[in-house]
Amino acid sequence: MANTKQARKRALQSVARNKHLSAQRSRYRTAIKAVRKLVLAGDKEAAQQAFVKAQSVIDSMADKKVLHKNAAARHKTRLVAAIKAMA
């Protein structure tokens, strides 16, 4: 346990930051899963619509540094490839 006032404050900040970032990561993962689910279902039109929303979420997470920009680009590229492969 933290012994100094500074260490106690940092511990509390760490808990709060972890809670916030966990929610952000969950939002991002859910968006990706929604697109993947529609790709597996074979609904190309709905998958494209879901991708537009997911792309917004992914870019937002990259801007907030929750996700590295190259990882965001990789996820978007793979989702687009999966949607294009449906044709």
Protein backbone atom coordinates (compact mmCIF):
# COMPACT_ATOMS: atom_id res chain seq x y z
CA MET A 1 0.00 0.00 0.00
CA ALA A 2 1.06 3.58 -0.63
CA ASN A 3 2.81 5.19 2.32
CA THR A 4 3.10 8.82 1.26
CA LYS A 5 0.42 11.31 0.31
CA GLN A 6 1.82 11.52 -3.20
CA ALA A 7 1.83 7.74 -3.62
CA ARG A 8 -1.77 7.52 -2.38
CA LYS A 9 -2.85 10.17 -4.87
CA ARG A 10 -1.05 8.41 -7.72
CA ALA A 11 -2.71 5.11 -6.78
CA LEU A 12 -6.14 6.75 -6.92
CA GLN A 13 -5.33 8.39 -10.25
CA SER A 14 -4.16 5.06 -11.60
CA VAL A 15 -7.43 3.38 -10.66
CA ALA A 16 -9.48 6.15 -12.26
CA ARG A 17 -7.38 6.13 -15.44
CA ASN A 18 -7.60 2.35 -15.71
CA LYS A 19 -11.39 2.46 -15.35
CA HIS A 20 -11.68 5.11 -18.08
CA LEU A 21 -9.30 3.40 -20.51
CA SER A 22 -10.98 0.02 -19.95
CA ALA A 23 -14.29 1.52 -21.01
CA GLN A 24 -12.68 3.07 -24.09
CA ARG A 25 -11.02 -0.22 -25.09
CA SER A 26 -14.30 -2.07 -24.61
CA ARG A 27 -16.09 0.39 -26.89
CA TYR A 28 -13.43 -0.08 -29.56
CA ARG A 29 -13.47 -3.89 -29.34
CA THR A 30 -17.26 -4.00 -29.49
CA ALA A 31 -17.22 -1.94 -32.68
CA ILE A 32 -14.80 -4.38 -34.31
CA LYS A 33 -16.82 -7.40 -33.18
CA ALA A 34 -19.98 -5.91 -34.69
CA VAL A 35 -18.34 -5.69 -38.12
CA ARG A 36 -16.83 -9.19 -37.85
CA LYS A 37 -20.22 -10.63 -36.87
CA LEU A 38 -21.91 -9.11 -39.93
CA VAL A 39 -19.10 -10.33 -42.20
CA LEU A 40 -19.59 -13.87 -40.91
CA ALA A 41 -23.35 -13.52 -41.37
CA GLY A 42 -22.74 -12.57 -45.00
CA ASP A 43 -24.57 -9.23 -44.86
CA LYS A 44 -22.24 -7.02 -46.88
CA GLU A 45 -24.40 -3.88 -46.84
CA ALA A 46 -24.85 -3.97 -43.06
CA ALA A 47 -21.15 -4.77 -42.61
CA GLN A 48 -20.22 -1.67 -44.58
CA GLN A 49 -22.53 0.46 -42.44
CA ALA A 50 -21.08 -1.02 -39.26
CA PHE A 51 -17.56 -0.42 -40.59
CA VAL A 52 -18.25 3.30 -41.03
CA LYS A 53 -19.22 3.50 -37.35
CA ALA A 54 -16.31 1.29 -36.28
CA GLN A 55 -13.87 3.40 -38.28
CA SER A 56 -14.97 6.47 -36.36
CA VAL A 57 -14.47 4.69 -33.03
CA ILE A 58 -11.08 3.29 -34.04
CA ASP A 59 -9.82 6.68 -35.22
CA SER A 60 -11.06 8.28 -32.02
CA MET A 61 -9.16 5.75 -29.90
CA ALA A 62 -6.01 6.36 -31.93
CA ASP A 63 -6.35 10.13 -31.49
CA LYS A 64 -6.73 9.68 -27.73
CA LYS A 65 -3.65 7.43 -27.64
CA VAL A 66 -5.69 4.51 -26.27
CA LEU A 67 -4.58 2.60 -29.36
CA HIS A 68 -1.41 3.09 -31.40
CA LYS A 69 -2.05 4.72 -34.77
CA ASN A 70 -0.44 1.82 -36.67
CA ALA A 71 -2.59 -0.70 -34.79
CA ALA A 72 -5.67 1.35 -35.68
CA ALA A 73 -4.66 1.39 -39.33
CA ARG A 74 -4.05 -2.36 -39.26
CA HIS A 75 -7.49 -3.08 -37.78
CA LYS A 76 -9.24 -0.87 -40.32
CA THR A 77 -7.34 -2.46 -43.21
CA ARG A 78 -8.22 -5.97 -42.10
CA LEU A 79 -11.89 -5.09 -41.67
CA VAL A 80 -12.03 -3.55 -45.15
CA ALA A 81 -10.30 -6.61 -46.61
CA ALA A 82 -12.83 -8.91 -44.93
CA ILE A 83 -15.71 -6.88 -46.32
CA LYS A 84 -14.23 -6.81 -49.83
CA ALA A 85 -13.63 -10.56 -49.71
CA MET A 86 -17.38 -11.09 -49.35
CA ALA A 87 -17.94 -10.18 -53.03
